Amino acid sequence: MIENGVLSWGLTALLLAASLYAAFRACRKSTPATRAGFGLHAAMMTAMALMLAPGLRWPALPQILFFGLAAWWFVLRAVSARPFPAAGPGHRSPAGAAGPGSLLYNGLTMAAMAYMLAAMDVHGGQGALAGPNVAGFPGQTSHHASAAAVPLATALPGWNGLPVLVLAVAFGVSAVLWAFLLLRRLHPHTRRDNGNAFLELVSAAAMSVMFSALAAA
């Protein structure tokens, strides 16, 4: 996906480190919603790391459905009237209460992940949905593709155009904001959870880089 080997492997290492941190937080004693939120972030960053690994091809449709449902989970929690504790990284409240803005951002990230998987598959990067006879992408079918593959490349023209570029810029801006927040939290007199800000920074930066590579493909 990313032709620059140094950038690709460096981003993969960061994603795996962030995924391990999220998995560690998901295993710690906390509320079920908190553990589920960190578990979803660990799954998302692991999936992004696998997307960067050369030669690996995974079925896209199950991943799209999984992250689509994860997005709805965060959105439903955001609009719920019942106060919930934090469901994911990047929350400021020391009591662990997640605001609607934080939950909606997490939902947007999960939805963007599902969109990226679909866009890569249409472009031939994943190869699980696009069949071998899809115009413009001969031989891009993965080993997991079946005869019932859906020719999305012809059904959804322009899938990798402006929306992908807008998402790349949006997550780039988000990464800058998270970097600024992380630098503020590194102050010796602050006692905030810097690991959560680092987790969100890696996630946003990886999204921006991968959407940019997809837009340029």
Protein backbone atom coordinates (compact mmCIF):
# COMPACT_ATOMS: atom_id res chain seq x y z
CA MET A 1 0.00 0.00 0.00
CA ILE A 2 2.84 2.40 0.93
CA GLU A 3 5.81 2.11 -1.40
CA ASN A 4 8.27 3.81 0.97
CA GLY A 5 9.63 0.88 2.94
CA VAL A 6 10.95 2.93 5.86
CA LEU A 7 7.62 4.73 6.30
CA SER A 8 5.65 1.52 5.93
CA TRP A 9 7.62 -0.48 8.49
CA GLY A 10 7.89 2.46 10.87
CA LEU A 11 4.14 2.97 10.78
CA THR A 12 3.61 -0.76 11.22
CA ALA A 13 5.81 -0.77 14.33
CA LEU A 14 3.90 2.18 15.82
CA LEU A 15 0.56 0.53 15.09
CA LEU A 16 1.61 -2.73 16.69
CA ALA A 17 2.94 -0.90 19.77
CA ALA A 18 -0.30 1.06 20.08
CA SER A 19 -2.32 -2.12 19.55
CA LEU A 20 -0.44 -3.88 22.34
CA TYR A 21 -1.05 -0.93 24.65
CA ALA A 22 -4.77 -0.91 23.83
CA ALA A 23 -4.95 -4.68 24.38
CA PHE A 24 -3.20 -4.24 27.73
CA ARG A 25 -5.73 -1.59 28.76
CA ALA A 26 -8.56 -3.84 27.60
CA CYS A 27 -7.31 -6.60 29.90
CA ARG A 28 -7.05 -4.38 32.96
CA LYS A 29 -9.76 -4.41 35.57
CA SER A 30 -12.39 -1.85 34.53
CA THR A 31 -15.97 -1.58 33.36
CA PRO A 32 -17.10 -3.77 30.43
CA ALA A 33 -17.65 -0.67 28.25
CA THR A 34 -14.11 0.56 28.89
CA ARG A 35 -12.59 -2.81 28.10
CA ALA A 36 -14.71 -3.19 24.97
CA GLY A 37 -13.68 0.26 23.74
CA PHE A 38 -9.98 -0.43 24.12
CA GLY A 39 -10.45 -3.86 22.58
CA LEU A 40 -12.03 -2.31 19.49
CA HIS A 41 -9.14 0.13 19.17
CA ALA A 42 -6.66 -2.73 19.50
CA ALA A 43 -8.48 -4.63 16.74
CA MET A 44 -8.54 -1.56 14.49
CA MET A 45 -4.82 -0.85 14.78
CA THR A 46 -3.93 -4.50 14.35
CA ALA A 47 -6.01 -4.56 11.16
CA MET A 48 -4.22 -1.46 9.87
CA ALA A 49 -0.83 -3.02 10.62
CA LEU A 50 -1.83 -6.15 8.69
CA MET A 51 -2.97 -3.99 5.76
CA LEU A 52 0.56 -2.59 5.55
CA ALA A 53 2.25 -6.00 5.62
CA PRO A 54 3.41 -6.98 2.11
CA GLY A 55 1.82 -10.03 0.54
CA LEU A 56 -0.97 -10.46 3.07
CA ARG A 57 -4.57 -10.55 1.81
CA TRP A 58 -7.58 -10.88 4.09
CA PRO A 59 -11.31 -11.01 3.32
CA ALA A 60 -12.56 -7.42 3.44
CA LEU A 61 -16.27 -7.97 3.97
CA PRO A 62 -16.10 -9.42 7.52
CA GLN A 63 -13.79 -6.58 8.56
CA ILE A 64 -16.08 -3.96 7.03
CA LEU A 65 -19.06 -5.37 8.91
CA PHE A 66 -17.10 -5.59 12.16
CA PHE A 67 -15.86 -2.01 12.13
CA GLY A 68 -19.20 -0.74 10.86
CA LEU A 69 -20.89 -2.32 13.88
CA ALA A 70 -18.17 -0.89 16.12
CA ALA A 71 -18.91 2.58 14.75
CA TRP A 72 -22.60 2.17 15.53
CA TRP A 73 -21.73 0.98 19.03
CA PHE A 74 -19.84 4.20 19.76
CA VAL A 75 -22.54 6.36 18.16
CA LEU A 76 -25.33 4.69 20.13
CA ARG A 77 -23.39 5.23 23.34
CA ALA A 78 -22.88 8.88 22.43
CA VAL A 79 -26.59 9.55 21.90
CA SER A 80 -27.69 7.51 24.90
CA ALA A 81 -29.07 9.51 27.81
CA ARG A 82 -27.44 7.20 30.32
CA PRO A 83 -23.97 8.34 31.45
CA PHE A 84 -21.30 5.77 30.67
CA PRO A 85 -17.66 5.55 31.71
CA ALA A 86 -14.95 6.05 29.13
CA ALA A 87 -15.17 3.56 26.27
CA GLY A 88 -11.86 4.30 24.63
CA PRO A 89 -8.66 6.28 24.67
CA GLY A 90 -8.34 10.03 24.62
CA HIS A 91 -10.84 10.93 27.34
CA ARG A 92 -9.97 13.76 29.66
CA SER A 93 -12.29 13.17 32.59
CA PRO A 94 -10.39 11.81 35.60
CA ALA A 95 -13.55 10.05 36.68
CA GLY A 96 -13.62 8.12 33.40
CA ALA A 97 -16.79 9.67 32.01
CA ALA A 98 -16.82 9.86 28.23
CA GLY A 99 -18.48 12.84 26.62
CA PRO A 100 -20.55 12.63 23.43
CA GLY A 101 -17.77 14.30 21.44
CA SER A 102 -15.21 11.66 22.41
CA LEU A 103 -17.58 8.82 21.62
CA LEU A 104 -18.59 10.34 18.29
CA TYR A 105 -14.92 10.75 17.36
CA ASN A 106 -14.30 7.10 18.17
CA GLY A 107 -17.32 6.17 16.08
CA LEU A 108 -16.02 8.26 13.18
CA THR A 109 -12.65 6.51 13.41
CA MET A 110 -14.27 3.09 13.25
CA ALA A 111 -16.47 4.17 10.33
CA ALA A 112 -13.40 5.53 8.52
CA MET A 113 -11.67 2.20 9.04
CA ALA A 114 -14.61 0.38 7.42
CA TYR A 115 -14.57 2.88 4.54
CA MET A 116 -10.82 2.42 4.06
CA LEU A 117 -11.23 -1.34 3.81
CA ALA A 118 -14.00 -0.94 1.25
CA ALA A 119 -12.04 1.63 -0.76
CA MET A 120 -8.91 -0.53 -0.77
CA ASP A 121 -10.92 -3.52 -1.88
CA VAL A 122 -12.50 -1.56 -4.73
CA HIS A 123 -9.02 -0.40 -5.72
CA GLY A 124 -7.72 -3.96 -5.59
CA GLY A 125 -5.69 -3.61 -2.42
CA GLN A 126 -7.58 -6.20 -0.39
CA GLY A 127 -9.05 -8.28 -3.17
CA ALA A 128 -11.72 -10.07 -1.14
CA LEU A 129 -14.76 -8.47 -2.72
CA ALA A 130 -13.56 -7.66 -6.21
CA GLY A 131 -13.60 -10.66 -8.50
CA PRO A 132 -10.98 -11.66 -11.08
CA ASN A 133 -13.00 -10.26 -13.99
CA VAL A 134 -13.52 -6.79 -12.54
CA ALA A 135 -12.55 -4.18 -15.12
CA GLY A 136 -9.25 -2.51 -14.38
CA PHE A 137 -8.14 -4.96 -11.69
CA PRO A 138 -7.26 -8.28 -13.31
CA GLY A 139 -5.72 -10.86 -11.05
CA GLN A 140 -6.34 -8.91 -7.85
CA THR A 141 -8.50 -11.58 -6.24
CA SER A 142 -7.23 -12.89 -2.91
CA HIS A 143 -6.94 -16.52 -2.00
CA HIS A 144 -10.07 -16.11 0.14
CA ALA A 145 -12.27 -14.73 -2.64
CA SER A 146 -15.17 -16.87 -3.81
CA ALA A 147 -17.16 -17.17 -7.00
CA ALA A 148 -19.84 -14.93 -5.48
CA ALA A 149 -17.53 -11.90 -5.42
CA VAL A 150 -19.19 -8.53 -5.80
CA PRO A 151 -17.84 -6.28 -8.62
CA LEU A 152 -17.79 -3.08 -6.57
CA ALA A 153 -15.18 -1.41 -8.76
CA THR A 154 -17.68 -0.87 -11.56
CA ALA A 155 -20.65 -0.25 -9.29
CA LEU A 156 -19.04 2.53 -7.26
CA PRO A 157 -16.92 4.77 -9.54
CA GLY A 158 -14.93 7.50 -7.84
CA TRP A 159 -14.90 5.66 -4.50
CA ASN A 160 -11.23 6.51 -4.00
CA GLY A 161 -11.47 10.16 -5.07
CA LEU A 162 -12.46 13.22 -3.07
CA PRO A 163 -13.84 11.43 0.04
CA VAL A 164 -10.53 9.65 0.57
CA LEU A 165 -8.59 12.90 0.21
CA VAL A 166 -10.92 14.71 2.64
CA LEU A 167 -10.47 11.93 5.21
CA ALA A 168 -6.69 12.08 4.78
CA VAL A 169 -6.68 15.81 5.52
CA ALA A 170 -9.16 15.49 8.39
CA PHE A 171 -7.15 12.81 10.16
CA GLY A 172 -3.95 14.74 9.47
CA VAL A 173 -5.41 17.73 11.30
CA SER A 174 -6.59 15.41 14.06
CA ALA A 175 -3.08 13.95 14.40
CA VAL A 176 -1.62 17.45 14.78
CA LEU A 177 -4.16 18.25 17.50
CA TRP A 178 -3.43 15.01 19.34
CA ALA A 179 0.32 15.71 19.09
CA PHE A 180 -0.23 19.16 20.60
CA LEU A 181 -2.32 17.64 23.39
CA LEU A 182 0.33 14.99 24.07
CA LEU A 183 3.06 17.63 24.30
CA ARG A 184 0.97 19.56 26.79
CA ARG A 185 0.43 16.42 28.85
CA LEU A 186 4.17 15.74 28.97
CA HIS A 187 4.53 18.68 31.36
CA PRO A 188 6.02 17.35 34.63
CA HIS A 189 3.25 18.91 36.72
CA THR A 190 0.43 17.21 34.83
CA ARG A 191 -0.87 13.78 35.85
CA ARG A 192 -2.92 12.83 32.84
CA ASP A 193 -2.84 9.53 31.00
CA ASN A 194 -0.29 10.19 28.27
CA GLY A 195 -0.67 6.69 26.87
CA ASN A 196 -4.21 7.42 25.72
CA ALA A 197 -3.14 10.55 23.84
CA PHE A 198 -0.30 8.60 22.21
CA LEU A 199 -2.77 5.91 21.19
CA GLU A 200 -5.06 8.43 19.50
CA LEU A 201 -2.09 10.18 17.87
CA VAL A 202 -0.85 6.96 16.28
CA SER A 203 -4.35 6.07 15.13
CA ALA A 204 -5.01 9.46 13.51
CA ALA A 205 -1.55 9.68 11.91
CA ALA A 206 -1.84 6.16 10.47
CA MET A 207 -5.30 6.95 9.08
CA SER A 208 -3.99 10.11 7.44
CA VAL A 209 -0.98 8.40 5.85
CA MET A 210 -2.97 5.43 4.60
CA PHE A 211 -5.78 7.53 3.18
CA SER A 212 -3.17 9.74 1.48
CA ALA A 213 -1.51 6.68 -0.09
CA LEU A 214 -4.91 5.42 -1.22
CA ALA A 215 -5.80 8.78 -2.75
CA ALA A 216 -2.50 8.84 -4.66
CA ALA A 217 -2.84 5.25 -5.90
